[in-house]
Amino acid sequence: MDIIIQSVGFKASEALEAFVRDKVSKLDHMSDEIIRANVTFYEASKSNPENNICEIRLEIPGNDHFVKKGSSLYEQALLDCIDTLQNIIQKQKNKDKNNRRSEEPTDALDSM
């Protein structure tokens, strides 16, 4: 999985980039279908105390997963995005698993 990190309006520190790579790489263990993760950090309006925004787009075959979260810290916004994406991936896995079960014949004798 490729991880692309963009920071709009500021230069992301090496520590932030290492933190991103560590946390986002854990998503790759949940699904083999992830091709790329685009992580974008930017600052929203100054009037909002949770103005540090993190967006993550997971590119997978079919529909991409996109999450956008804000917090007072970029690290916390990233963790919120990761938690949401883990839930989305788990729901998708369960949905796919249930679809495969419903397609299987319930009894081999029924098909005769």
PDB file of N, CA and C in Angstrom:
ATOM      1  N   MET A   1       0.844  -1.171   0.000  1.00  0.00           N
ATOM      2  CA  MET A   1       0.000   0.000   0.000  1.00  0.00           C
ATOM      3  C   MET A   1       0.890   1.235   0.000  1.00  0.00           C
ATOM      4  N   ASP A   2       0.567   2.160  -0.891  1.00  0.00           N
ATOM      5  CA  ASP A   2       1.265   3.442  -0.929  1.00  0.00           C
ATOM      6  C   ASP A   2       0.583   4.391   0.045  1.00  0.00           C
ATOM      7  N   ILE A   3       1.385   5.204   0.732  1.00  0.00           N
ATOM      8  CA  ILE A   3       0.850   6.219   1.629  1.00  0.00           C
ATOM      9  C   ILE A   3       1.358   7.568   1.142  1.00  0.00           C
ATOM     10  N   ILE A   4       0.430   8.433   0.747  1.00  0.00           N
ATOM     11  CA  ILE A   4       0.772   9.769   0.269  1.00  0.00           C
ATOM     12  C   ILE A   4       0.303  10.765   1.318  1.00  0.00           C
ATOM     13  N   ILE A   5       1.238  11.571   1.820  1.00  0.00           N
ATOM     14  CA  ILE A   5       0.936  12.541   2.867  1.00  0.00           C
ATOM     15  C   ILE A   5       1.068  13.943   2.292  1.00  0.00           C
ATOM     16  N   GLN A   6       0.016  14.740   2.439  1.00  0.00           N
ATOM     17  CA  GLN A   6       0.031  16.130   1.984  1.00  0.00           C
ATOM     18  C   GLN A   6      -0.340  17.025   3.155  1.00  0.00           C
ATOM     19  N   SER A   7       0.374  18.122   3.282  1.00  0.00           N
ATOM     20  CA  SER A   7       0.028  19.111   4.295  1.00  0.00           C
ATOM     21  C   SER A   7      -0.139  20.451   3.583  1.00  0.00           C
ATOM     22  N   VAL A   8      -1.316  21.022   3.689  1.00  0.00           N
ATOM     23  CA  VAL A   8      -1.655  22.252   2.982  1.00  0.00           C
ATOM     24  C   VAL A   8      -1.457  23.436   3.938  1.00  0.00           C
ATOM     25  N   GLY A   9      -0.603  24.361   3.552  1.00  0.00           N
ATOM     26  CA  GLY A   9      -0.392  25.559   4.358  1.00  0.00           C
ATOM     27  C   GLY A   9       0.685  25.449   5.410  1.00  0.00           C
ATOM     28  N   PHE A  10       1.303  24.293   5.544  1.00  0.00           N
ATOM     29  CA  PHE A  10       2.400  24.126   6.489  1.00  0.00           C
ATOM     30  C   PHE A  10       3.242  22.931   6.077  1.00  0.00           C
ATOM     31  N   LYS A  11       4.419  22.812   6.639  1.00  0.00           N
ATOM     32  CA  LYS A  11       5.318  21.686   6.364  1.00  0.00           C
ATOM     33  C   LYS A  11       5.177  20.685   7.495  1.00  0.00           C
ATOM     34  N   ALA A  12       4.734  19.482   7.175  1.00  0.00           N
ATOM     35  CA  ALA A  12       4.563  18.433   8.189  1.00  0.00           C
ATOM     36  C   ALA A  12       5.926  17.986   8.698  1.00  0.00           C
ATOM     37  N   SER A  13       6.027  17.804   9.996  1.00  0.00           N
ATOM     38  CA  SER A  13       7.284  17.367  10.595  1.00  0.00           C
ATOM     39  C   SER A  13       7.530  15.893  10.295  1.00  0.00           C
ATOM     40  N   GLU A  14       8.780  15.498  10.443  1.00  0.00           N
ATOM     41  CA  GLU A  14       9.132  14.081  10.255  1.00  0.00           C
ATOM     42  C   GLU A  14       8.402  13.210  11.269  1.00  0.00           C
ATOM     43  N   ALA A  15       8.226  13.731  12.478  1.00  0.00           N
ATOM     44  CA  ALA A  15       7.527  12.966  13.519  1.00  0.00           C
ATOM     45  C   ALA A  15       6.067  12.729  13.126  1.00  0.00           C
ATOM     46  N   LEU A  16       5.417  13.759  12.584  1.00  0.00           N
ATOM     47  CA  LEU A  16       4.016  13.604  12.145  1.00  0.00           C
ATOM     48  C   LEU A  16       3.926  12.611  10.999  1.00  0.00           C
ATOM     49  N   GLU A  17       4.837  12.688  10.046  1.00  0.00           N
ATOM     50  CA  GLU A  17       4.820  11.759   8.914  1.00  0.00           C
ATOM     51  C   GLU A  17       5.072  10.325   9.375  1.00  0.00           C
ATOM     52  N   ALA A  18       5.987  10.134  10.320  1.00  0.00           N
ATOM     53  CA  ALA A  18       6.245   8.787  10.854  1.00  0.00           C
ATOM     54  C   ALA A  18       5.016   8.260  11.584  1.00  0.00           C
ATOM     55  N   PHE A  19       4.351   9.137  12.331  1.00  0.00           N
ATOM     56  CA  PHE A  19       3.137   8.758  13.046  1.00  0.00           C
ATOM     57  C   PHE A  19       2.051   8.326  12.061  1.00  0.00           C
ATOM     58  N   VAL A  20       1.912   9.085  10.977  1.00  0.00           N
ATOM     59  CA  VAL A  20       0.918   8.765   9.944  1.00  0.00           C
ATOM     60  C   VAL A  20       1.220   7.405   9.330  1.00  0.00           C
ATOM     61  N   ARG A  21       2.456   7.188   8.937  1.00  0.00           N
ATOM     62  CA  ARG A  21       2.831   5.915   8.307  1.00  0.00           C
ATOM     63  C   ARG A  21       2.584   4.734   9.246  1.00  0.00           C
ATOM     64  N   ASP A  22       2.901   4.906  10.523  1.00  0.00           N
ATOM     65  CA  ASP A  22       2.699   3.836  11.499  1.00  0.00           C
ATOM     66  C   ASP A  22       1.217   3.495  11.641  1.00  0.00           C
ATOM     67  N   LYS A  23       0.376   4.511  11.796  1.00  0.00           N
ATOM     68  CA  LYS A  23      -1.056   4.272  12.039  1.00  0.00           C
ATOM     69  C   LYS A  23      -1.794   3.812  10.781  1.00  0.00           C
ATOM     70  N   VAL A  24      -1.473   4.404   9.641  1.00  0.00           N
ATOM     71  CA  VAL A  24      -2.177   4.040   8.408  1.00  0.00           C
ATOM     72  C   VAL A  24      -1.779   2.645   7.944  1.00  0.00           C
ATOM     73  N   SER A  25      -0.537   2.251   8.198  1.00  0.00           N
ATOM     74  CA  SER A  25      -0.101   0.914   7.781  1.00  0.00           C
ATOM     75  C   SER A  25      -0.882  -0.185   8.498  1.00  0.00           C
ATOM     76  N   LYS A  26      -1.445   0.111   9.639  1.00  0.00           N
ATOM     77  CA  LYS A  26      -2.269  -0.878  10.350  1.00  0.00           C
ATOM     78  C   LYS A  26      -3.555  -1.186   9.595  1.00  0.00           C
ATOM     79  N   LEU A  27      -4.024  -0.226   8.790  1.00  0.00           N
ATOM     80  CA  LEU A  27      -5.225  -0.478   7.970  1.00  0.00           C
ATOM     81  C   LEU A  27      -4.942  -1.517   6.898  1.00  0.00           C
ATOM     82  N   ASP A  28      -3.691  -1.555   6.435  1.00  0.00           N
ATOM     83  CA  ASP A  28      -3.318  -2.507   5.389  1.00  0.00           C
ATOM     84  C   ASP A  28      -3.449  -3.943   5.887  1.00  0.00           C
ATOM     85  N   HIS A  29      -3.284  -4.148   7.197  1.00  0.00           N
ATOM     86  CA  HIS A  29      -3.428  -5.488   7.767  1.00  0.00           C
ATOM     87  C   HIS A  29      -4.883  -5.928   7.828  1.00  0.00           C
ATOM     88  N   MET A  30      -5.798  -4.961   7.796  1.00  0.00           N
ATOM     89  CA  MET A  30      -7.224  -5.287   7.872  1.00  0.00           C
ATOM     90  C   MET A  30      -7.804  -5.689   6.523  1.00  0.00           C
ATOM     91  N   SER A  31      -7.215  -5.172   5.434  1.00  0.00           N
ATOM     92  CA  SER A  31      -7.749  -5.454   4.105  1.00  0.00           C
ATOM     93  C   SER A  31      -6.617  -5.524   3.098  1.00  0.00           C
ATOM     94  N   ASP A  32      -6.643  -6.562   2.270  1.00  0.00           N
ATOM     95  CA  ASP A  32      -5.628  -6.722   1.231  1.00  0.00           C
ATOM     96  C   ASP A  32      -5.960  -5.921  -0.015  1.00  0.00           C
ATOM     97  N   GLU A  33      -7.150  -5.339  -0.075  1.00  0.00           N
ATOM     98  CA  GLU A  33      -7.598  -4.646  -1.271  1.00  0.00           C
ATOM     99  C   GLU A  33      -7.131  -3.197  -1.349  1.00  0.00           C
ATOM    100  N   ILE A  34      -6.583  -2.650  -0.267  1.00  0.00           N
ATOM    101  CA  ILE A  34      -6.198  -1.234  -0.248  1.00  0.00           C
ATOM    102  C   ILE A  34      -4.993  -1.021  -1.155  1.00  0.00           C
ATOM    103  N   ILE A  35      -5.144  -0.120  -2.109  1.00  0.00           N
ATOM    104  CA  ILE A  35      -4.067   0.198  -3.052  1.00  0.00           C
ATOM    105  C   ILE A  35      -3.248   1.368  -2.544  1.00  0.00           C
ATOM    106  N   ARG A  36      -3.937   2.416  -2.105  1.00  0.00           N
ATOM    107  CA  ARG A  36      -3.246   3.644  -1.728  1.00  0.00           C
ATOM    108  C   ARG A  36      -4.046   4.364  -0.653  1.00  0.00           C
ATOM    109  N   ALA A  37      -3.333   5.081   0.212  1.00  0.00           N
ATOM    110  CA  ALA A  37      -3.964   5.947   1.210  1.00  0.00           C
ATOM    111  C   ALA A  37      -3.474   7.363   0.979  1.00  0.00           C
ATOM    112  N   ASN A  38      -4.396   8.267   0.713  1.00  0.00           N
ATOM    113  CA  ASN A  38      -4.076   9.687   0.566  1.00  0.00           C
ATOM    114  C   ASN A  38      -4.474  10.391   1.859  1.00  0.00           C
ATOM    115  N   VAL A  39      -3.476  10.925   2.565  1.00  0.00           N
ATOM    116  CA  VAL A  39      -3.708  11.608   3.834  1.00  0.00           C
ATOM    117  C   VAL A  39      -3.422  13.091   3.621  1.00  0.00           C
ATOM    118  N   THR A  40      -4.389  13.932   3.951  1.00  0.00           N
ATOM    119  CA  THR A  40      -4.239  15.374   3.782  1.00  0.00           C
ATOM    120  C   THR A  40      -4.534  16.073   5.106  1.00  0.00           C
ATOM    121  N   PHE A  41      -3.619  16.973   5.494  1.00  0.00           N
ATOM    122  CA  PHE A  41      -3.804  17.796   6.680  1.00  0.00           C
ATOM    123  C   PHE A  41      -3.934  19.250   6.252  1.00  0.00           C
ATOM    124  N   TYR A  42      -4.856  19.967   6.884  1.00  0.00           N
ATOM    125  CA  TYR A  42      -4.951  21.401   6.664  1.00  0.00           C
ATOM    126  C   TYR A  42      -5.657  22.044   7.842  1.00  0.00           C
ATOM    127  N   GLU A  43      -5.567  23.375   7.895  1.00  0.00           N
ATOM    128  CA  GLU A  43      -6.185  24.123   8.980  1.00  0.00           C
ATOM    129  C   GLU A  43      -7.438  24.807   8.457  1.00  0.00           C
ATOM    130  N   ALA A  44      -8.544  24.630   9.166  1.00  0.00           N
ATOM    131  CA  ALA A  44      -9.806  25.261   8.786  1.00  0.00           C
ATOM    132  C   ALA A  44      -9.866  26.661   9.401  1.00  0.00           C
ATOM    133  N   SER A  45     -11.024  27.222   9.476  1.00  0.00           N
ATOM    134  CA  SER A  45     -11.178  28.585   9.986  1.00  0.00           C
ATOM    135  C   SER A  45     -10.694  28.694  11.435  1.00  0.00           C
ATOM    136  N   LYS A  46     -10.179  29.843  11.767  1.00  0.00           N
ATOM    137  CA  LYS A  46      -9.631  30.085  13.111  1.00  0.00           C
ATOM    138  C   LYS A  46     -10.719  30.136  14.173  1.00  0.00           C
ATOM    139  N   SER A  47     -11.970  30.381  13.788  1.00  0.00           N
ATOM    140  CA  SER A  47     -13.050  30.506  14.767  1.00  0.00           C
ATOM    141  C   SER A  47     -13.419  29.172  15.413  1.00  0.00           C
ATOM    142  N   ASN A  48     -13.108  28.068  14.752  1.00  0.00           N
ATOM    143  CA  ASN A  48     -13.431  26.737  15.267  1.00  0.00           C
ATOM    144  C   ASN A  48     -12.245  26.207  16.065  1.00  0.00           C
ATOM    145  N   PRO A  49     -12.431  25.823  17.342  1.00  0.00           N
ATOM    146  CA  PRO A  49     -11.294  25.307  18.122  1.00  0.00           C
ATOM    147  C   PRO A  49     -10.748  23.979  17.587  1.00  0.00           C
ATOM    148  N   GLU A  50     -11.593  23.221  16.912  1.00  0.00           N
ATOM    149  CA  GLU A  50     -11.139  21.957  16.312  1.00  0.00           C
ATOM    150  C   GLU A  50     -10.872  22.196  14.838  1.00  0.00           C
ATOM    151  N   ASN A  51      -9.914  23.077  14.569  1.00  0.00           N
ATOM    152  CA  ASN A  51      -9.691  23.512  13.198  1.00  0.00           C
ATOM    153  C   ASN A  51      -8.579  22.759  12.483  1.00  0.00           C
ATOM    154  N   ASN A  52      -7.942  21.798  13.124  1.00  0.00           N
ATOM    155  CA  ASN A  52      -6.928  20.980  12.453  1.00  0.00           C
ATOM    156  C   ASN A  52      -7.630  19.778  11.829  1.00  0.00           C
ATOM    157  N   ILE A  53      -7.669  19.763  10.512  1.00  0.00           N
ATOM    158  CA  ILE A  53      -8.460  18.781   9.777  1.00  0.00           C
ATOM    159  C   ILE A  53      -7.546  17.712   9.171  1.00  0.00           C
ATOM    160  N   CYS A  54      -8.003  16.472   9.240  1.00  0.00           N
ATOM    161  CA  CYS A  54      -7.334  15.344   8.587  1.00  0.00           C
ATOM    162  C   CYS A  54      -8.348  14.671   7.676  1.00  0.00           C
ATOM    163  N   GLU A  55      -7.942  14.435   6.439  1.00  0.00           N
ATOM    164  CA  GLU A  55      -8.764  13.691   5.486  1.00  0.00           C
ATOM    165  C   GLU A  55      -7.972  12.473   5.034  1.00  0.00           C
ATOM    166  N   ILE A  56      -8.630  11.336   4.969  1.00  0.00           N
ATOM    167  CA  ILE A  56      -7.995  10.114   4.455  1.00  0.00           C
ATOM    168  C   ILE A  56      -8.904   9.519   3.397  1.00  0.00           C
ATOM    169  N   ARG A  57      -8.335   9.251   2.241  1.00  0.00           N
ATOM    170  CA  ARG A  57      -9.040   8.550   1.167  1.00  0.00           C
ATOM    171  C   ARG A  57      -8.303   7.236   0.934  1.00  0.00           C
ATOM    172  N   LEU A  58      -8.988   6.122   1.177  1.00  0.00           N
ATOM    173  CA  LEU A  58      -8.428   4.802   0.883  1.00  0.00           C
ATOM    174  C   LEU A  58      -8.886   4.394  -0.501  1.00  0.00           C
ATOM    175  N   GLU A  59      -7.943   4.204  -1.389  1.00  0.00           N
ATOM    176  CA  GLU A  59      -8.269   3.784  -2.747  1.00  0.00           C
ATOM    177  C   GLU A  59      -8.301   2.262  -2.783  1.00  0.00           C
ATOM    178  N   ILE A  60      -9.482   1.747  -3.082  1.00  0.00           N
ATOM    179  CA  ILE A  60      -9.687   0.304  -3.197  1.00  0.00           C
ATOM    180  C   ILE A  60     -10.506   0.064  -4.453  1.00  0.00           C
ATOM    181  N   PRO A  61     -10.447  -1.148  -5.005  1.00  0.00           N
ATOM    182  CA  PRO A  61     -11.278  -1.428  -6.177  1.00  0.00           C
ATOM    183  C   PRO A  61     -12.759  -1.220  -5.830  1.00  0.00           C
ATOM    184  N   GLY A  62     -13.459  -0.559  -6.709  1.00  0.00           N
ATOM    185  CA  GLY A  62     -14.861  -0.250  -6.447  1.00  0.00           C
ATOM    186  C   GLY A  62     -14.965   1.150  -5.887  1.00  0.00           C
ATOM    187  N   ASN A  63     -15.613   1.283  -4.760  1.00  0.00           N
ATOM    188  CA  ASN A  63     -15.794   2.590  -4.130  1.00  0.00           C
ATOM    189  C   ASN A  63     -14.681   2.861  -3.125  1.00  0.00           C
ATOM    190  N   ASP A  64     -14.096   4.066  -3.189  1.00  0.00           N
ATOM    191  CA  ASP A  64     -13.081   4.473  -2.223  1.00  0.00           C
ATOM    192  C   ASP A  64     -13.753   4.807  -0.896  1.00  0.00           C
ATOM    193  N   HIS A  65     -12.993   4.653   0.191  1.00  0.00           N
ATOM    194  CA  HIS A  65     -13.467   5.071   1.512  1.00  0.00           C
ATOM    195  C   HIS A  65     -12.857   6.430   1.814  1.00  0.00           C
ATOM    196  N   PHE A  66     -13.680   7.382   2.237  1.00  0.00           N
ATOM    197  CA  PHE A  66     -13.218   8.735   2.524  1.00  0.00           C
ATOM    198  C   PHE A  66     -13.721   9.158   3.891  1.00  0.00           C
ATOM    199  N   VAL A  67     -12.792   9.686   4.714  1.00  0.00           N
ATOM    200  CA  VAL A  67     -13.145  10.145   6.052  1.00  0.00           C
ATOM    201  C   VAL A  67     -12.484  11.496   6.291  1.00  0.00           C
ATOM    202  N   LYS A  68     -13.219  12.387   6.930  1.00  0.00           N
ATOM    203  CA  LYS A  68     -12.705  13.718   7.267  1.00  0.00           C
ATOM    204  C   LYS A  68     -13.055  14.007   8.719  1.00  0.00           C
ATOM    205  N   LYS A  69     -12.035  14.297   9.533  1.00  0.00           N
ATOM    206  CA  LYS A  69     -12.241  14.582  10.953  1.00  0.00           C
ATOM    207  C   LYS A  69     -11.431  15.798  11.350  1.00  0.00           C
ATOM    208  N   GLY A  70     -11.898  16.507  12.369  1.00  0.00           N
ATOM    209  CA  GLY A  70     -11.207  17.673  12.886  1.00  0.00           C
ATOM    210  C   GLY A  70     -10.956  17.533  14.373  1.00  0.00           C
ATOM    211  N   SER A  71      -9.868  18.151  14.835  1.00  0.00           N
ATOM    212  CA  SER A  71      -9.521  18.137  16.247  1.00  0.00           C
ATOM    213  C   SER A  71      -8.583  19.302  16.518  1.00  0.00           C
ATOM    214  N   SER A  72      -8.260  19.502  17.775  1.00  0.00           N
ATOM    215  CA  SER A  72      -7.318  20.568  18.105  1.00  0.00           C
ATOM    216  C   SER A  72      -5.890  20.157  17.752  1.00  0.00           C
ATOM    217  N   LEU A  73      -5.649  18.845  17.604  1.00  0.00           N
ATOM    218  CA  LEU A  73      -4.329  18.321  17.217  1.00  0.00           C
ATOM    219  C   LEU A  73      -4.470  17.466  15.961  1.00  0.00           C
ATOM    220  N   TYR A  74      -3.485  17.562  15.077  1.00  0.00           N
ATOM    221  CA  TYR A  74      -3.513  16.747  13.859  1.00  0.00           C
ATOM    222  C   TYR A  74      -3.456  15.260  14.193  1.00  0.00           C
ATOM    223  N   GLU A  75      -2.683  14.908  15.214  1.00  0.00           N
ATOM    224  CA  GLU A  75      -2.549  13.497  15.595  1.00  0.00           C
ATOM    225  C   GLU A  75      -3.887  12.916  16.033  1.00  0.00           C
ATOM    226  N   GLN A  76      -4.646  13.687  16.816  1.00  0.00           N
ATOM    227  CA  GLN A  76      -5.950  13.207  17.277  1.00  0.00           C
ATOM    228  C   GLN A  76      -6.935  13.095  16.115  1.00  0.00           C
ATOM    229  N   ALA A  77      -6.882  14.057  15.200  1.00  0.00           N
ATOM    230  CA  ALA A  77      -7.750  13.991  14.018  1.00  0.00           C
ATOM    231  C   ALA A  77      -7.426  12.744  13.205  1.00  0.00           C
ATOM    232  N   LEU A  78      -6.132  12.432  13.074  1.00  0.00           N
ATOM    233  CA  LEU A  78      -5.723  11.223  12.350  1.00  0.00           C
ATOM    234  C   LEU A  78      -6.253   9.973  13.046  1.00  0.00           C
ATOM    235  N   LEU A  79      -6.116   9.899  14.361  1.00  0.00           N
ATOM    236  CA  LEU A  79      -6.597   8.727  15.101  1.00  0.00           C
ATOM    237  C   LEU A  79      -8.111   8.560  14.955  1.00  0.00           C
ATOM    238  N   ASP A  80      -8.844   9.674  14.958  1.00  0.00           N
ATOM    239  CA  ASP A  80     -10.296   9.597  14.757  1.00  0.00           C
ATOM    240  C   ASP A  80     -10.626   9.045  13.368  1.00  0.00           C
ATOM    241  N   CYS A  81      -9.876   9.493  12.362  1.00  0.00           N
ATOM    242  CA  CYS A  81     -10.076   8.987  10.996  1.00  0.00           C
ATOM    243  C   CYS A  81      -9.777   7.495  10.920  1.00  0.00           C
ATOM    244  N   ILE A  82      -8.677   7.077  11.542  1.00  0.00           N
ATOM    245  CA  ILE A  82      -8.289   5.661  11.521  1.00  0.00           C
ATOM    246  C   ILE A  82      -9.367   4.809  12.173  1.00  0.00           C
ATOM    247  N   ASP A  83      -9.893   5.242  13.327  1.00  0.00           N
ATOM    248  CA  ASP A  83     -10.953   4.484  14.007  1.00  0.00           C
ATOM    249  C   ASP A  83     -12.182   4.337  13.118  1.00  0.00           C
ATOM    250  N   THR A  84     -12.565   5.414  12.471  1.00  0.00           N
ATOM    251  CA  THR A  84     -13.734   5.371  11.584  1.00  0.00           C
ATOM    252  C   THR A  84     -13.485   4.440  10.401  1.00  0.00           C
ATOM    253  N   LEU A  85     -12.298   4.525   9.807  1.00  0.00           N
ATOM    254  CA  LEU A  85     -11.980   3.651   8.674  1.00  0.00           C
ATOM    255  C   LEU A  85     -11.936   2.182   9.092  1.00  0.00           C
ATOM    256  N   GLN A  86     -11.428   1.903  10.287  1.00  0.00           N
ATOM    257  CA  GLN A  86     -11.424   0.511  10.764  1.00  0.00           C
ATOM    258  C   GLN A  86     -12.847  -0.013  10.876  1.00  0.00           C
ATOM    259  N   ASN A  87     -13.759   0.817  11.360  1.00  0.00           N
ATOM    260  CA  ASN A  87     -15.170   0.409  11.447  1.00  0.00           C
ATOM    261  C   ASN A  87     -15.761   0.174  10.066  1.00  0.00           C
ATOM    262  N   ILE A  88     -15.445   1.054   9.116  1.00  0.00           N
ATOM    263  CA  ILE A  88     -15.956   0.907   7.753  1.00  0.00           C
ATOM    264  C   ILE A  88     -15.438  -0.381   7.124  1.00  0.00           C
ATOM    265  N   ILE A  89     -14.148  -0.648   7.274  1.00  0.00           N
ATOM    266  CA  ILE A  89     -13.545  -1.859   6.701  1.00  0.00           C
ATOM    267  C   ILE A  89     -14.157  -3.101   7.329  1.00  0.00           C
ATOM    268  N   GLN A  90     -14.350  -3.084   8.657  1.00  0.00           N
ATOM    269  CA  GLN A  90     -14.930  -4.242   9.341  1.00  0.00           C
ATOM    270  C   GLN A  90     -16.360  -4.482   8.881  1.00  0.00           C
ATOM    271  N   LYS A  91     -17.141  -3.412   8.721  1.00  0.00           N
ATOM    272  CA  LYS A  91     -18.516  -3.569   8.228  1.00  0.00           C
ATOM    273  C   LYS A  91     -18.529  -4.146   6.820  1.00  0.00           C
ATOM    274  N   GLN A  92     -17.603  -3.672   5.976  1.00  0.00           N
ATOM    275  CA  GLN A  92     -17.520  -4.177   4.605  1.00  0.00           C
ATOM    276  C   GLN A  92     -17.161  -5.657   4.597  1.00  0.00           C
ATOM    277  N   LYS A  93     -16.219  -6.047   5.468  1.00  0.00           N
ATOM    278  CA  LYS A  93     -15.840  -7.465   5.554  1.00  0.00           C
ATOM    279  C   LYS A  93     -17.029  -8.325   5.988  1.00  0.00           C
ATOM    280  N   ASN A  94     -17.755  -7.855   6.992  1.00  0.00           N
ATOM    281  CA  ASN A  94     -18.919  -8.607   7.474  1.00  0.00           C
ATOM    282  C   ASN A  94     -19.996  -8.704   6.393  1.00  0.00           C
ATOM    283  N   LYS A  95     -20.196  -7.619   5.663  1.00  0.00           N
ATOM    284  CA  LYS A  95     -21.188  -7.620   4.590  1.00  0.00           C
ATOM    285  C   LYS A  95     -20.793  -8.619   3.499  1.00  0.00           C
ATOM    286  N   ASP A  96     -19.518  -8.593   3.094  1.00  0.00           N
ATOM    287  CA  ASP A  96     -19.040  -9.531   2.076  1.00  0.00           C
ATOM    288  C   ASP A  96     -19.144 -10.972   2.561  1.00  0.00           C
ATOM    289  N   LYS A  97     -18.840 -11.181   3.823  1.00  0.00           N
ATOM    290  CA  LYS A  97     -18.899 -12.528   4.403  1.00  0.00           C
ATOM    291  C   LYS A  97     -20.340 -13.051   4.409  1.00  0.00           C
ATOM    292  N   ASN A  98     -21.277 -12.177   4.777  1.00  0.00           N
ATOM    293  CA  ASN A  98     -22.687 -12.578   4.799  1.00  0.00           C
ATOM    294  C   ASN A  98     -23.210 -12.826   3.388  1.00  0.00           C
ATOM    295  N   ASN A  99     -22.766 -12.044   2.421  1.00  0.00           N
ATOM    296  CA  ASN A  99     -23.187 -12.259   1.042  1.00  0.00           C
ATOM    297  C   ASN A  99     -22.692 -13.598   0.518  1.00  0.00           C
ATOM    298  N   ARG A 100     -21.467 -13.952   0.872  1.00  0.00           N
ATOM    299  CA  ARG A 100     -20.942 -15.248   0.427  1.00  0.00           C
ATOM    300  C   ARG A 100     -21.701 -16.398   1.070  1.00  0.00           C
ATOM    301  N   ARG A 101     -22.081 -16.235   2.321  1.00  0.00           N
ATOM    302  CA  ARG A 101     -22.834 -17.290   3.003  1.00  0.00           C
ATOM    303  C   ARG A 101     -24.211 -17.481   2.371  1.00  0.00           C
ATOM    304  N   SER A 102     -24.855 -16.396   1.987  1.00  0.00           N
ATOM    305  CA  SER A 102     -26.198 -16.513   1.423  1.00  0.00           C
ATOM    306  C   SER A 102     -26.173 -17.114   0.022  1.00  0.00           C
ATOM    307  N   GLU A 103     -25.026 -17.027  -0.661  1.00  0.00           N
ATOM    308  CA  GLU A 103     -24.911 -17.605  -1.999  1.00  0.00           C
ATOM    309  C   GLU A 103     -24.632 -19.102  -1.964  1.00  0.00           C
ATOM    310  N   GLU A 104     -24.090 -19.600  -0.853  1.00  0.00           N
ATOM    311  CA  GLU A 104     -23.776 -21.023  -0.752  1.00  0.00           C
ATOM    312  C   GLU A 104     -25.057 -21.822  -0.539  1.00  0.00           C
ATOM    313  N   PRO A 105     -25.124 -23.027  -1.143  1.00  0.00           N
ATOM    314  CA  PRO A 105     -26.294 -23.878  -0.865  1.00  0.00           C
ATOM    315  C   PRO A 105     -26.290 -24.320   0.587  1.00  0.00           C
ATOM    316  N   THR A 106     -27.467 -24.353   1.205  1.00  0.00           N
ATOM    317  CA  THR A 106     -27.555 -24.701   2.618  1.00  0.00           C
ATOM    318  C   THR A 106     -27.376 -26.199   2.851  1.00  0.00           C
ATOM    319  N   ASP A 107     -27.760 -26.999   1.866  1.00  0.00           N
ATOM    320  CA  ASP A 107     -27.650 -28.437   2.029  1.00  0.00           C
ATOM    321  C   ASP A 107     -27.350 -29.047   0.650  1.00  0.00           C
ATOM    322  N   ALA A 108     -26.386 -29.911   0.616  1.00  0.00           N
ATOM    323  CA  ALA A 108     -26.009 -30.529  -0.647  1.00  0.00           C
ATOM    324  C   ALA A 108     -27.140 -31.382  -1.216  1.00  0.00           C
ATOM    325  N   LEU A 109     -28.006 -31.919  -0.357  1.00  0.00           N
ATOM    326  CA  LEU A 109     -29.114 -32.752  -0.812  1.00  0.00           C
ATOM    327  C   LEU A 109     -30.188 -31.927  -1.512  1.00  0.00           C
ATOM    328  N   ASP A 110     -30.299 -30.648  -1.150  1.00  0.00           N
ATOM    329  CA  ASP A 110     -31.316 -29.799  -1.776  1.00  0.00           C
ATOM    330  C   ASP A 110     -31.065 -29.616  -3.280  1.00  0.00           C
ATOM    331  N   SER A 111     -29.822 -29.701  -3.679  1.00  0.00           N
ATOM    332  CA  SER A 111     -29.508 -29.454  -5.075  1.00  0.00           C
ATOM    333  C   SER A 111     -29.789 -30.685  -5.954  1.00  0.00           C
ATOM    334  N   MET A 112     -30.095 -31.800  -5.367  1.00  0.00           N
ATOM    335  CA  MET A 112     -30.339 -33.006  -6.163  1.00  0.00           C
ATOM    336  C   MET A 112     -31.763 -33.118  -6.571  1.00  0.00           C
TER     337      MET A 112
END
